[in-house]
Amino acid sequence: MATPWQQVLEQVPTLNDPQAPFSYSVTPDGVIVGFWDVAKIQMLGLTGASSFDKEFRIDVRPTGDGEIDYTETGTESSGSIGATGGSFSKSTFKGKSSQKSFGFQAGIGGSSHGEATNAAGWSFDTDAIKKPLLGFLEQHGWKQKKGFFGRLFG
């Protein structure tokens, strides 16, 4: 039997680790949110400037007796400007995914999450933020909602 959702929500703050680059919170309507501000980098080079921004969010909500469903949202944008022109790109993802990525930027000056730096790197793995949360919910008796094929064959 699953722990009542309200009791689970009260324990969500215990998931937060000051050493982790992400955090968990609860919205007023009872959704658990995991948020990771992966990168916010701005660099100035000898011939131009660039920026990179990446965020990830997972929203978990109960869907039935002891069942949860979740949605992941990721955004990534980058831009640059230099002597030969500029460019900008932005992508957004919503659904379920498994991602691992990393990056590095260097310049004569810049910032990473508002802190001055000449070089900034980042790494990202969806499992790092999802596993602690989904494991916590499983320990409390909450299972992931099965999709159409999971219901037929599960």
C-alpha atoms as a PDB file:
ATOM      1  CA  MET A   1       0.000   0.000   0.000  1.00  0.00           C
ATOM      2  CA  ALA A   2       1.310   3.424  -0.962  1.00  0.00           C
ATOM      3  CA  THR A   3       2.035   6.132   1.585  1.00  0.00           C
ATOM      4  CA  PRO A   4      -0.654   8.843   1.252  1.00  0.00           C
ATOM      5  CA  TRP A   5       0.445  11.454  -1.300  1.00  0.00           C
ATOM      6  CA  GLN A   6       0.206  14.317   1.203  1.00  0.00           C
ATOM      7  CA  GLN A   7       2.640  12.526   3.538  1.00  0.00           C
ATOM      8  CA  VAL A   8       5.018  11.921   0.616  1.00  0.00           C
ATOM      9  CA  LEU A   9       4.874  15.627  -0.285  1.00  0.00           C
ATOM     10  CA  GLU A  10       5.828  16.579   3.275  1.00  0.00           C
ATOM     11  CA  GLN A  11       9.003  14.471   2.971  1.00  0.00           C
ATOM     12  CA  VAL A  12      10.149  15.830  -0.420  1.00  0.00           C
ATOM     13  CA  PRO A  13      12.509  18.452   1.136  1.00  0.00           C
ATOM     14  CA  THR A  14      14.561  15.577   2.641  1.00  0.00           C
ATOM     15  CA  LEU A  15      15.621  14.687  -0.927  1.00  0.00           C
ATOM     16  CA  ASN A  16      17.535  17.945  -1.325  1.00  0.00           C
ATOM     17  CA  ASP A  17      21.296  17.554  -1.093  1.00  0.00           C
ATOM     18  CA  PRO A  18      23.275  20.816  -0.796  1.00  0.00           C
ATOM     19  CA  GLN A  19      26.042  19.183  -2.874  1.00  0.00           C
ATOM     20  CA  ALA A  20      23.690  18.319  -5.770  1.00  0.00           C
ATOM     21  CA  PRO A  21      23.272  20.742  -8.689  1.00  0.00           C
ATOM     22  CA  PHE A  22      19.473  20.288  -8.641  1.00  0.00           C
ATOM     23  CA  SER A  23      16.644  20.559  -6.117  1.00  0.00           C
ATOM     24  CA  TYR A  24      13.163  19.209  -5.452  1.00  0.00           C
ATOM     25  CA  SER A  25      10.092  21.150  -4.367  1.00  0.00           C
ATOM     26  CA  VAL A  26       6.308  20.830  -4.237  1.00  0.00           C
ATOM     27  CA  THR A  27       3.872  23.110  -6.050  1.00  0.00           C
ATOM     28  CA  PRO A  28       0.701  24.370  -4.324  1.00  0.00           C
ATOM     29  CA  ASP A  29      -1.361  21.859  -6.340  1.00  0.00           C
ATOM     30  CA  GLY A  30       0.689  18.864  -5.101  1.00  0.00           C
ATOM     31  CA  VAL A  31       3.095  18.258  -7.992  1.00  0.00           C
ATOM     32  CA  ILE A  32       6.673  17.289  -7.142  1.00  0.00           C
ATOM     33  CA  VAL A  33       9.157  19.288  -9.217  1.00  0.00           C
ATOM     34  CA  GLY A  34      12.807  18.473  -9.754  1.00  0.00           C
ATOM     35  CA  PHE A  35      14.703  21.400 -11.300  1.00  0.00           C
ATOM     36  CA  TRP A  36      18.265  21.633 -12.607  1.00  0.00           C
ATOM     37  CA  ASP A  37      19.744  24.873 -13.923  1.00  0.00           C
ATOM     38  CA  VAL A  38      22.439  22.947 -15.783  1.00  0.00           C
ATOM     39  CA  ALA A  39      24.342  25.798 -17.428  1.00  0.00           C
ATOM     40  CA  LYS A  40      24.121  29.547 -17.762  1.00  0.00           C
ATOM     41  CA  ILE A  41      27.371  30.566 -19.458  1.00  0.00           C
ATOM     42  CA  GLN A  42      28.402  33.797 -21.169  1.00  0.00           C
ATOM     43  CA  MET A  43      31.870  34.185 -22.652  1.00  0.00           C
ATOM     44  CA  LEU A  44      33.764  36.975 -24.324  1.00  0.00           C
ATOM     45  CA  GLY A  45      36.456  35.974 -26.789  1.00  0.00           C
ATOM     46  CA  LEU A  46      38.967  37.872 -28.857  1.00  0.00           C
ATOM     47  CA  THR A  47      36.669  37.922 -31.878  1.00  0.00           C
ATOM     48  CA  GLY A  48      33.187  37.844 -30.344  1.00  0.00           C
ATOM     49  CA  ALA A  49      30.907  36.642 -27.590  1.00  0.00           C
ATOM     50  CA  SER A  50      28.838  33.521 -26.934  1.00  0.00           C
ATOM     51  CA  SER A  51      26.217  32.267 -24.528  1.00  0.00           C
ATOM     52  CA  PHE A  52      24.806  28.882 -23.569  1.00  0.00           C
ATOM     53  CA  ASP A  53      21.837  28.098 -21.325  1.00  0.00           C
ATOM     54  CA  LYS A  54      20.425  24.672 -20.397  1.00  0.00           C
ATOM     55  CA  GLU A  55      17.653  23.754 -17.929  1.00  0.00           C
ATOM     56  CA  PHE A  56      15.835  20.539 -17.057  1.00  0.00           C
ATOM     57  CA  ARG A  57      12.657  19.931 -15.079  1.00  0.00           C
ATOM     58  CA  ILE A  58      10.704  16.839 -14.069  1.00  0.00           C
ATOM     59  CA  ASP A  59       7.106  17.116 -12.811  1.00  0.00           C
ATOM     60  CA  VAL A  60       5.655  14.114 -10.952  1.00  0.00           C
ATOM     61  CA  ARG A  61       1.974  13.750 -10.068  1.00  0.00           C
ATOM     62  CA  PRO A  62      -0.259  10.973  -8.811  1.00  0.00           C
ATOM     63  CA  THR A  63      -2.569   9.474 -11.454  1.00  0.00           C
ATOM     64  CA  GLY A  64      -4.391   6.827  -9.479  1.00  0.00           C
ATOM     65  CA  ASP A  65      -4.184   4.576  -6.479  1.00  0.00           C
ATOM     66  CA  GLY A  66      -0.454   4.179  -5.924  1.00  0.00           C
ATOM     67  CA  GLU A  67       0.450   5.301  -9.458  1.00  0.00           C
ATOM     68  CA  ILE A  68       2.439   8.292 -10.644  1.00  0.00           C
ATOM     69  CA  ASP A  69       3.238   9.775 -14.015  1.00  0.00           C
ATOM     70  CA  TYR A  70       5.891  12.312 -14.870  1.00  0.00           C
ATOM     71  CA  THR A  71       6.802  14.745 -17.602  1.00  0.00           C
ATOM     72  CA  GLU A  72      10.268  16.027 -18.352  1.00  0.00           C
ATOM     73  CA  THR A  73      10.924  19.415 -19.900  1.00  0.00           C
ATOM     74  CA  GLY A  74      14.288  20.502 -21.196  1.00  0.00           C
ATOM     75  CA  THR A  75      15.368  23.739 -22.823  1.00  0.00           C
ATOM     76  CA  GLU A  76      18.679  24.609 -24.400  1.00  0.00           C
ATOM     77  CA  SER A  77      19.725  27.800 -26.140  1.00  0.00           C
ATOM     78  CA  SER A  78      22.975  29.106 -27.532  1.00  0.00           C
ATOM     79  CA  GLY A  79      24.050  32.194 -29.342  1.00  0.00           C
ATOM     80  CA  SER A  80      27.134  33.887 -30.631  1.00  0.00           C
ATOM     81  CA  ILE A  81      28.112  37.124 -32.250  1.00  0.00           C
ATOM     82  CA  GLY A  82      31.361  38.027 -33.905  1.00  0.00           C
ATOM     83  CA  ALA A  83      32.992  39.886 -36.750  1.00  0.00           C
ATOM     84  CA  THR A  84      31.352  37.641 -39.365  1.00  0.00           C
ATOM     85  CA  GLY A  85      27.827  37.803 -37.931  1.00  0.00           C
ATOM     86  CA  GLY A  86      25.751  36.083 -35.308  1.00  0.00           C
ATOM     87  CA  SER A  87      23.611  33.068 -34.661  1.00  0.00           C
ATOM     88  CA  PHE A  88      21.038  31.893 -32.143  1.00  0.00           C
ATOM     89  CA  SER A  89      19.360  28.543 -31.594  1.00  0.00           C
ATOM     90  CA  LYS A  90      16.862  27.270 -29.067  1.00  0.00           C
ATOM     91  CA  SER A  91      15.364  23.832 -28.553  1.00  0.00           C
ATOM     92  CA  THR A  92      12.731  22.550 -26.159  1.00  0.00           C
ATOM     93  CA  PHE A  93      11.838  18.989 -25.264  1.00  0.00           C
ATOM     94  CA  LYS A  94       8.778  17.718 -23.398  1.00  0.00           C
ATOM     95  CA  GLY A  95       8.097  14.055 -22.671  1.00  0.00           C
ATOM     96  CA  LYS A  96      10.321  11.312 -21.278  1.00  0.00           C
ATOM     97  CA  SER A  97      13.985  10.902 -22.106  1.00  0.00           C
ATOM     98  CA  SER A  98      17.353   9.590 -21.096  1.00  0.00           C
ATOM     99  CA  GLN A  99      20.143  12.060 -21.757  1.00  0.00           C
ATOM    100  CA  LYS A 100      23.794  12.522 -20.957  1.00  0.00           C
ATOM    101  CA  SER A 101      25.696  15.541 -22.186  1.00  0.00           C
ATOM    102  CA  PHE A 102      28.568  17.826 -21.302  1.00  0.00           C
ATOM    103  CA  GLY A 103      30.250  20.950 -22.588  1.00  0.00           C
ATOM    104  CA  PHE A 104      33.018  23.461 -22.039  1.00  0.00           C
ATOM    105  CA  GLN A 105      33.572  27.093 -23.011  1.00  0.00           C
ATOM    106  CA  ALA A 106      36.567  29.347 -22.506  1.00  0.00           C
ATOM    107  CA  GLY A 107      37.276  32.977 -23.249  1.00  0.00           C
ATOM    108  CA  ILE A 108      39.135  36.060 -22.071  1.00  0.00           C
ATOM    109  CA  GLY A 109      36.304  36.719 -19.627  1.00  0.00           C
ATOM    110  CA  GLY A 110      32.831  35.605 -18.850  1.00  0.00           C
ATOM    111  CA  SER A 111      30.470  34.171 -16.274  1.00  0.00           C
ATOM    112  CA  SER A 112      28.884  30.911 -15.256  1.00  0.00           C
ATOM    113  CA  HIS A 113      25.677  31.213 -13.208  1.00  0.00           C
ATOM    114  CA  GLY A 114      26.644  34.832 -12.510  1.00  0.00           C
ATOM    115  CA  GLU A 115      30.152  34.031 -11.210  1.00  0.00           C
ATOM    116  CA  ALA A 116      33.103  35.552 -13.082  1.00  0.00           C
ATOM    117  CA  THR A 117      35.277  33.004 -14.890  1.00  0.00           C
ATOM    118  CA  ASN A 118      37.466  32.528 -17.966  1.00  0.00           C
ATOM    119  CA  ALA A 119      36.366  28.910 -18.429  1.00  0.00           C
ATOM    120  CA  ALA A 120      33.157  27.050 -17.629  1.00  0.00           C
ATOM    121  CA  GLY A 121      32.129  23.449 -18.039  1.00  0.00           C
ATOM    122  CA  TRP A 122      28.957  21.523 -17.394  1.00  0.00           C
ATOM    123  CA  SER A 123      27.740  17.944 -17.389  1.00  0.00           C
ATOM    124  CA  PHE A 124      24.221  16.591 -17.337  1.00  0.00           C
ATOM    125  CA  ASP A 125      22.619  13.179 -16.838  1.00  0.00           C
ATOM    126  CA  THR A 126      18.852  12.755 -16.497  1.00  0.00           C
ATOM    127  CA  ASP A 127      19.400   9.730 -14.242  1.00  0.00           C
ATOM    128  CA  ALA A 128      21.154  11.923 -11.664  1.00  0.00           C
ATOM    129  CA  ILE A 129      17.963  13.883 -10.968  1.00  0.00           C
ATOM    130  CA  LYS A 130      15.342  11.209 -11.776  1.00  0.00           C
ATOM    131  CA  LYS A 131      16.704   8.167  -9.912  1.00  0.00           C
ATOM    132  CA  PRO A 132      16.688   9.681  -6.396  1.00  0.00           C
ATOM    133  CA  LEU A 133      13.154  11.019  -6.876  1.00  0.00           C
ATOM    134  CA  LEU A 134      11.640   7.936  -8.502  1.00  0.00           C
ATOM    135  CA  GLY A 135      13.447   5.673  -6.014  1.00  0.00           C
ATOM    136  CA  PHE A 136      12.057   7.738  -3.116  1.00  0.00           C
ATOM    137  CA  LEU A 137       8.535   7.397  -4.514  1.00  0.00           C
ATOM    138  CA  GLU A 138       8.977   3.659  -5.068  1.00  0.00           C
ATOM    139  CA  GLN A 139      10.100   3.259  -1.432  1.00  0.00           C
ATOM    140  CA  HIS A 140       6.773   4.847  -0.483  1.00  0.00           C
ATOM    141  CA  GLY A 141       4.829   2.360  -2.611  1.00  0.00           C
ATOM    142  CA  TRP A 142       4.246   4.588  -5.656  1.00  0.00           C
ATOM    143  CA  LYS A 143       4.772   2.950  -9.059  1.00  0.00           C
ATOM    144  CA  GLN A 144       5.102   4.516 -12.483  1.00  0.00           C
ATOM    145  CA  LYS A 145       1.913   4.472 -14.510  1.00  0.00           C
ATOM    146  CA  LYS A 146       2.198   1.900 -17.276  1.00  0.00           C
ATOM    147  CA  GLY A 147       1.638   3.002 -20.839  1.00  0.00           C
ATOM    148  CA  PHE A 148      -0.748   1.376 -23.309  1.00  0.00           C
ATOM    149  CA  PHE A 149       1.549  -1.583 -24.111  1.00  0.00           C
ATOM    150  CA  GLY A 150       2.513  -1.979 -20.435  1.00  0.00           C
ATOM    151  CA  ARG A 151      -1.162  -2.470 -19.586  1.00  0.00           C
ATOM    152  CA  LEU A 152      -1.615  -5.068 -22.352  1.00  0.00           C
ATOM    153  CA  PHE A 153       1.520  -7.061 -21.623  1.00  0.00           C
ATOM    154  CA  GLY A 154       2.523  -5.970 -18.067  1.00  0.00           C
END
